[in-house]
């Protein structure tokens, strides 16, 4: 069996689902999704989920916190945090200043984990769930340094990068079926016994 590690760009996946109007599928079990993308001769070694905590608005931060806590209950799953920051942006035309949100470090964190795992021979195939073309460089590095390992890009719904997909050994588009059958149950129990419930706006 070929060992697979999945590397999930959380914000890319989240906004892909949002762009499709699939808020009801945001209660997503990323480990189940990873397994549903495997071929019969593959086994899931680990799931790595990359995200950043948001602070505002409070209701969004609460939903995300609940989701992260649910994801933390999954075995053989690790969460890696970048930074989500708000910077003032001035309109060139009218001079109006507004806050622009940006998410930092996810692509760097994915690149570091991907290369580190390749050097440590932790996988035979890596599945990268993202459509961020900034990840082309680490994919090409793995292909050059480890010709026996494969990198597959799995584009989230509503997301696609031709250049990123070309850089990988293969690519696929994650469809409605894979997302629908990869949901958490309505209630998730933490190791301490606390019950986490699907946010109301995700129903």
C-alpha atoms as a PDB file:
ATOM      1  CA  UNK A   1       0.000   0.000   0.000  1.00  0.00           C
ATOM      2  CA  UNK A   2       1.265   3.467  -0.900  1.00  0.00           C
ATOM      3  CA  UNK A   3       1.444   5.893   2.009  1.00  0.00           C
ATOM      4  CA  UNK A   4      -0.361   9.189   1.471  1.00  0.00           C
ATOM      5  CA  UNK A   5      -0.242  12.448   3.412  1.00  0.00           C
ATOM      6  CA  UNK A   6      -2.783  15.137   2.569  1.00  0.00           C
ATOM      7  CA  UNK A   7      -1.923  18.823   2.915  1.00  0.00           C
ATOM      8  CA  UNK A   8      -5.053  20.964   3.124  1.00  0.00           C
ATOM      9  CA  UNK A   9      -5.095  24.700   2.483  1.00  0.00           C
ATOM     10  CA  UNK A  10      -7.954  25.514   4.843  1.00  0.00           C
ATOM     11  CA  UNK A  11      -8.849  28.968   3.577  1.00  0.00           C
ATOM     12  CA  UNK A  12      -8.620  27.935  -0.081  1.00  0.00           C
ATOM     13  CA  UNK A  13     -10.991  25.063   0.627  1.00  0.00           C
ATOM     14  CA  UNK A  14     -13.319  27.201   2.764  1.00  0.00           C
ATOM     15  CA  UNK A  15     -13.700  29.972   0.199  1.00  0.00           C
ATOM     16  CA  UNK A  16     -14.097  27.419  -2.564  1.00  0.00           C
ATOM     17  CA  UNK A  17     -17.078  25.906  -0.766  1.00  0.00           C
ATOM     18  CA  UNK A  18     -18.465  29.392  -0.069  1.00  0.00           C
ATOM     19  CA  UNK A  19     -18.142  30.377  -3.738  1.00  0.00           C
ATOM     20  CA  UNK A  20     -20.358  27.420  -4.663  1.00  0.00           C
ATOM     21  CA  UNK A  21     -22.980  28.343  -2.071  1.00  0.00           C
ATOM     22  CA  UNK A  22     -22.147  25.159  -0.159  1.00  0.00           C
ATOM     23  CA  UNK A  23     -22.239  26.578   3.383  1.00  0.00           C
ATOM     24  CA  UNK A  24     -24.115  23.429   4.462  1.00  0.00           C
ATOM     25  CA  UNK A  25     -20.925  21.465   3.736  1.00  0.00           C
ATOM     26  CA  UNK A  26     -18.552  23.613   5.826  1.00  0.00           C
ATOM     27  CA  UNK A  27     -18.842  21.127   8.738  1.00  0.00           C
ATOM     28  CA  UNK A  28     -16.265  19.120   6.830  1.00  0.00           C
ATOM     29  CA  UNK A  29     -14.335  16.173   8.223  1.00  0.00           C
ATOM     30  CA  UNK A  30     -10.994  16.691   6.463  1.00  0.00           C
ATOM     31  CA  UNK A  31      -9.762  13.229   7.368  1.00  0.00           C
ATOM     32  CA  UNK A  32     -12.840  11.620   5.808  1.00  0.00           C
ATOM     33  CA  UNK A  33     -12.371  13.810   2.732  1.00  0.00           C
ATOM     34  CA  UNK A  34      -8.750  12.702   2.510  1.00  0.00           C
ATOM     35  CA  UNK A  35      -9.766   9.045   2.652  1.00  0.00           C
ATOM     36  CA  UNK A  36     -12.452   9.566   0.036  1.00  0.00           C
ATOM     37  CA  UNK A  37      -9.806  10.847  -2.391  1.00  0.00           C
ATOM     38  CA  UNK A  38      -7.574   7.774  -2.068  1.00  0.00           C
ATOM     39  CA  UNK A  39      -7.157   5.037  -4.642  1.00  0.00           C
ATOM     40  CA  UNK A  40      -7.561   1.359  -3.648  1.00  0.00           C
ATOM     41  CA  UNK A  41      -3.790   0.843  -3.404  1.00  0.00           C
ATOM     42  CA  UNK A  42      -3.279   3.825  -1.088  1.00  0.00           C
ATOM     43  CA  UNK A  43      -3.460   4.243   2.686  1.00  0.00           C
ATOM     44  CA  UNK A  44      -3.796   7.532   4.559  1.00  0.00           C
ATOM     45  CA  UNK A  45      -0.752   8.075   6.796  1.00  0.00           C
ATOM     46  CA  UNK A  46      -1.641  11.542   8.055  1.00  0.00           C
ATOM     47  CA  UNK A  47      -3.840  14.567   7.383  1.00  0.00           C
ATOM     48  CA  UNK A  48      -2.318  18.046   7.743  1.00  0.00           C
ATOM     49  CA  UNK A  49      -4.674  21.013   7.905  1.00  0.00           C
ATOM     50  CA  UNK A  50      -3.387  24.573   7.505  1.00  0.00           C
ATOM     51  CA  UNK A  51      -5.364  27.615   8.582  1.00  0.00           C
ATOM     52  CA  UNK A  52      -5.251  30.899  10.522  1.00  0.00           C
ATOM     53  CA  UNK A  53      -7.485  32.026  13.359  1.00  0.00           C
ATOM     54  CA  UNK A  54      -9.779  34.965  12.640  1.00  0.00           C
ATOM     55  CA  UNK A  55     -10.683  37.477  15.348  1.00  0.00           C
ATOM     56  CA  UNK A  56     -13.560  39.373  13.718  1.00  0.00           C
ATOM     57  CA  UNK A  57     -16.474  39.326  13.434  1.00  0.00           C
ATOM     58  CA  UNK A  58     -17.138  37.464  16.702  1.00  0.00           C
ATOM     59  CA  UNK A  59     -19.711  35.054  15.229  1.00  0.00           C
ATOM     60  CA  UNK A  60     -17.292  33.993  12.495  1.00  0.00           C
ATOM     61  CA  UNK A  61     -14.494  33.528  15.030  1.00  0.00           C
ATOM     62  CA  UNK A  62     -16.785  31.368  17.174  1.00  0.00           C
ATOM     63  CA  UNK A  63     -17.771  29.160  14.224  1.00  0.00           C
ATOM     64  CA  UNK A  64     -14.142  28.708  13.260  1.00  0.00           C
ATOM     65  CA  UNK A  65     -13.135  27.892  16.835  1.00  0.00           C
ATOM     66  CA  UNK A  66     -15.860  25.240  17.022  1.00  0.00           C
ATOM     67  CA  UNK A  67     -14.691  23.774  13.724  1.00  0.00           C
ATOM     68  CA  UNK A  68     -11.032  23.710  14.780  1.00  0.00           C
ATOM     69  CA  UNK A  69     -11.999  21.971  18.034  1.00  0.00           C
ATOM     70  CA  UNK A  70     -13.914  19.362  16.029  1.00  0.00           C
ATOM     71  CA  UNK A  71     -10.967  18.853  13.691  1.00  0.00           C
ATOM     72  CA  UNK A  72      -8.694  18.397  16.709  1.00  0.00           C
ATOM     73  CA  UNK A  73     -10.688  15.291  17.657  1.00  0.00           C
ATOM     74  CA  UNK A  74      -9.525  13.473  14.526  1.00  0.00           C
ATOM     75  CA  UNK A  75      -6.783  10.882  14.912  1.00  0.00           C
ATOM     76  CA  UNK A  76      -3.607  11.247  12.827  1.00  0.00           C
ATOM     77  CA  UNK A  77      -4.556  14.824  11.968  1.00  0.00           C
ATOM     78  CA  UNK A  78      -2.423  17.892  12.678  1.00  0.00           C
ATOM     79  CA  UNK A  79      -3.381  21.567  12.486  1.00  0.00           C
ATOM     80  CA  UNK A  80      -0.857  24.257  11.537  1.00  0.00           C
ATOM     81  CA  UNK A  81      -1.586  27.933  12.091  1.00  0.00           C
ATOM     82  CA  UNK A  82      -0.508  30.935  10.088  1.00  0.00           C
ATOM     83  CA  UNK A  83      -1.620  34.506  10.688  1.00  0.00           C
ATOM     84  CA  UNK A  84      -4.784  36.312   9.663  1.00  0.00           C
ATOM     85  CA  UNK A  85      -4.251  40.049   9.720  1.00  0.00           C
ATOM     86  CA  UNK A  86      -6.139  43.213   8.904  1.00  0.00           C
ATOM     87  CA  UNK A  87      -4.312  46.056   7.158  1.00  0.00           C
ATOM     88  CA  UNK A  88      -5.583  49.513   6.138  1.00  0.00           C
ATOM     89  CA  UNK A  89      -6.009  49.896   2.386  1.00  0.00           C
ATOM     90  CA  UNK A  90      -6.443  53.222   0.604  1.00  0.00           C
ATOM     91  CA  UNK A  91      -8.483  53.408  -2.588  1.00  0.00           C
ATOM     92  CA  UNK A  92      -6.413  55.017  -5.345  1.00  0.00           C
ATOM     93  CA  UNK A  93      -9.466  56.623  -6.924  1.00  0.00           C
ATOM     94  CA  UNK A  94     -11.331  58.137  -3.986  1.00  0.00           C
ATOM     95  CA  UNK A  95      -8.854  58.023  -1.125  1.00  0.00           C
ATOM     96  CA  UNK A  96     -11.232  56.068   1.114  1.00  0.00           C
ATOM     97  CA  UNK A  97      -9.451  53.945   3.697  1.00  0.00           C
ATOM     98  CA  UNK A  98     -10.879  50.528   4.537  1.00  0.00           C
ATOM     99  CA  UNK A  99      -9.569  47.414   6.218  1.00  0.00           C
ATOM    100  CA  UNK A 100      -8.369  44.587   3.992  1.00  0.00           C
ATOM    101  CA  UNK A 101      -7.989  41.105   5.434  1.00  0.00           C
ATOM    102  CA  UNK A 102      -5.145  38.836   4.383  1.00  0.00           C
ATOM    103  CA  UNK A 103      -4.059  35.384   5.423  1.00  0.00           C
ATOM    104  CA  UNK A 104      -0.318  34.815   5.857  1.00  0.00           C
ATOM    105  CA  UNK A 105       2.082  31.887   6.127  1.00  0.00           C
ATOM    106  CA  UNK A 106      -0.150  29.018   4.972  1.00  0.00           C
ATOM    107  CA  UNK A 107       1.761  28.480   1.721  1.00  0.00           C
ATOM    108  CA  UNK A 108       5.089  28.635   3.587  1.00  0.00           C
ATOM    109  CA  UNK A 109       3.877  26.210   6.254  1.00  0.00           C
ATOM    110  CA  UNK A 110       2.647  23.771   3.606  1.00  0.00           C
ATOM    111  CA  UNK A 111       5.936  24.010   1.713  1.00  0.00           C
ATOM    112  CA  UNK A 112       7.974  23.333   4.861  1.00  0.00           C
ATOM    113  CA  UNK A 113       5.872  20.320   5.872  1.00  0.00           C
ATOM    114  CA  UNK A 114       5.817  18.888   2.346  1.00  0.00           C
ATOM    115  CA  UNK A 115       9.600  19.061   1.949  1.00  0.00           C
ATOM    116  CA  UNK A 116      10.289  17.898   5.492  1.00  0.00           C
ATOM    117  CA  UNK A 117       8.033  14.868   5.050  1.00  0.00           C
ATOM    118  CA  UNK A 118       9.675  14.054   1.727  1.00  0.00           C
ATOM    119  CA  UNK A 119      13.152  14.170   3.283  1.00  0.00           C
ATOM    120  CA  UNK A 120      11.980  11.963   6.157  1.00  0.00           C
ATOM    121  CA  UNK A 121      10.355   9.507   3.728  1.00  0.00           C
ATOM    122  CA  UNK A 122       6.981   9.940   5.433  1.00  0.00           C
ATOM    123  CA  UNK A 123       4.939   9.453   2.248  1.00  0.00           C
ATOM    124  CA  UNK A 124       4.956   7.810  -1.155  1.00  0.00           C
ATOM    125  CA  UNK A 125       2.374  10.260  -2.500  1.00  0.00           C
ATOM    126  CA  UNK A 126       1.345  13.701  -1.292  1.00  0.00           C
ATOM    127  CA  UNK A 127      -2.119  15.067  -2.017  1.00  0.00           C
ATOM    128  CA  UNK A 128      -2.238  18.853  -1.940  1.00  0.00           C
ATOM    129  CA  UNK A 129      -5.765  20.228  -1.513  1.00  0.00           C
ATOM    130  CA  UNK A 130      -5.369  23.762  -2.805  1.00  0.00           C
ATOM    131  CA  UNK A 131      -5.407  25.860  -5.950  1.00  0.00           C
ATOM    132  CA  UNK A 132      -2.750  28.335  -4.764  1.00  0.00           C
ATOM    133  CA  UNK A 133      -0.092  28.737  -7.462  1.00  0.00           C
ATOM    134  CA  UNK A 134       2.418  29.866  -4.807  1.00  0.00           C
ATOM    135  CA  UNK A 135       2.830  26.155  -4.057  1.00  0.00           C
ATOM    136  CA  UNK A 136       4.379  25.383  -7.442  1.00  0.00           C
ATOM    137  CA  UNK A 137       7.946  25.812  -6.129  1.00  0.00           C
ATOM    138  CA  UNK A 138       7.759  23.176  -3.359  1.00  0.00           C
ATOM    139  CA  UNK A 139       6.025  20.744  -5.711  1.00  0.00           C
ATOM    140  CA  UNK A 140       8.820  21.129  -8.266  1.00  0.00           C
ATOM    141  CA  UNK A 141      11.415  20.727  -5.514  1.00  0.00           C
ATOM    142  CA  UNK A 142       9.893  17.405  -4.420  1.00  0.00           C
ATOM    143  CA  UNK A 143       9.758  16.193  -8.028  1.00  0.00           C
ATOM    144  CA  UNK A 144      13.413  17.096  -8.575  1.00  0.00           C
ATOM    145  CA  UNK A 145      14.819  15.772  -5.296  1.00  0.00           C
ATOM    146  CA  UNK A 146      12.574  12.722  -4.897  1.00  0.00           C
ATOM    147  CA  UNK A 147      11.743  11.292  -8.335  1.00  0.00           C
ATOM    148  CA  UNK A 148      10.077   8.219  -6.789  1.00  0.00           C
ATOM    149  CA  UNK A 149       7.511  10.290  -4.895  1.00  0.00           C
ATOM    150  CA  UNK A 150       4.359  11.703  -6.417  1.00  0.00           C
ATOM    151  CA  UNK A 151       2.520  14.944  -5.741  1.00  0.00           C
ATOM    152  CA  UNK A 152      -1.162  15.178  -6.702  1.00  0.00           C
ATOM    153  CA  UNK A 153      -3.119  18.424  -6.637  1.00  0.00           C
ATOM    154  CA  UNK A 154      -6.773  18.188  -5.601  1.00  0.00           C
ATOM    155  CA  UNK A 155      -8.510  21.447  -6.493  1.00  0.00           C
ATOM    156  CA  UNK A 156     -11.251  22.520  -4.058  1.00  0.00           C
ATOM    157  CA  UNK A 157     -14.732  23.171  -5.475  1.00  0.00           C
ATOM    158  CA  UNK A 158     -14.817  26.506  -7.271  1.00  0.00           C
ATOM    159  CA  UNK A 159     -11.016  26.739  -7.380  1.00  0.00           C
ATOM    160  CA  UNK A 160      -8.577  25.865 -10.169  1.00  0.00           C
ATOM    161  CA  UNK A 161      -5.028  26.819 -11.118  1.00  0.00           C
ATOM    162  CA  UNK A 162      -3.807  25.511 -14.451  1.00  0.00           C
ATOM    163  CA  UNK A 163      -0.188  26.307 -13.593  1.00  0.00           C
ATOM    164  CA  UNK A 164      -0.358  24.529 -10.238  1.00  0.00           C
ATOM    165  CA  UNK A 165      -2.011  21.465 -11.755  1.00  0.00           C
ATOM    166  CA  UNK A 166       0.586  21.329 -14.520  1.00  0.00           C
ATOM    167  CA  UNK A 167       3.386  21.321 -11.953  1.00  0.00           C
ATOM    168  CA  UNK A 168       2.062  18.183 -10.228  1.00  0.00           C
ATOM    169  CA  UNK A 169       2.253  14.573 -11.372  1.00  0.00           C
ATOM    170  CA  UNK A 170      -1.543  14.521 -11.589  1.00  0.00           C
ATOM    171  CA  UNK A 171      -4.547  16.558 -10.532  1.00  0.00           C
ATOM    172  CA  UNK A 172      -8.223  16.160  -9.798  1.00  0.00           C
ATOM    173  CA  UNK A 173     -11.170  18.359  -8.973  1.00  0.00           C
ATOM    174  CA  UNK A 174     -12.978  17.654  -5.716  1.00  0.00           C
ATOM    175  CA  UNK A 175     -16.644  17.202  -6.519  1.00  0.00           C
ATOM    176  CA  UNK A 176     -19.935  17.541  -4.707  1.00  0.00           C
ATOM    177  CA  UNK A 177     -20.101  13.838  -3.889  1.00  0.00           C
ATOM    178  CA  UNK A 178     -16.765  13.712  -2.064  1.00  0.00           C
ATOM    179  CA  UNK A 179     -17.658  16.777  -0.016  1.00  0.00           C
ATOM    180  CA  UNK A 180     -21.180  15.609   0.842  1.00  0.00           C
ATOM    181  CA  UNK A 181     -20.082  12.236   2.183  1.00  0.00           C
ATOM    182  CA  UNK A 182     -17.204  13.722   4.214  1.00  0.00           C
ATOM    183  CA  UNK A 183     -19.222  15.597   6.832  1.00  0.00           C
ATOM    184  CA  UNK A 184     -18.865  15.442  10.593  1.00  0.00           C
ATOM    185  CA  UNK A 185     -21.914  14.119  12.465  1.00  0.00           C
ATOM    186  CA  UNK A 186     -24.186  16.872  13.769  1.00  0.00           C
ATOM    187  CA  UNK A 187     -22.539  16.515  17.178  1.00  0.00           C
ATOM    188  CA  UNK A 188     -18.859  15.812  17.857  1.00  0.00           C
ATOM    189  CA  UNK A 189     -17.668  14.790  21.302  1.00  0.00           C
ATOM    190  CA  UNK A 190     -14.232  15.989  22.463  1.00  0.00           C
ATOM    191  CA  UNK A 191     -11.963  13.751  24.595  1.00  0.00           C
ATOM    192  CA  UNK A 192     -13.094  15.728  27.657  1.00  0.00           C
ATOM    193  CA  UNK A 193     -16.727  14.927  26.882  1.00  0.00           C
ATOM    194  CA  UNK A 194     -17.726  18.379  25.609  1.00  0.00           C
ATOM    195  CA  UNK A 195     -20.252  18.325  22.756  1.00  0.00           C
ATOM    196  CA  UNK A 196     -19.514  20.426  19.663  1.00  0.00           C
ATOM    197  CA  UNK A 197     -22.465  21.123  17.376  1.00  0.00           C
ATOM    198  CA  UNK A 198     -22.613  22.115  13.739  1.00  0.00           C
ATOM    199  CA  UNK A 199     -23.069  25.928  13.573  1.00  0.00           C
ATOM    200  CA  UNK A 200     -26.650  26.898  12.715  1.00  0.00           C
ATOM    201  CA  UNK A 201     -25.629  28.857   9.607  1.00  0.00           C
ATOM    202  CA  UNK A 202     -23.898  25.732   8.230  1.00  0.00           C
ATOM    203  CA  UNK A 203     -27.125  23.745   8.007  1.00  0.00           C
END
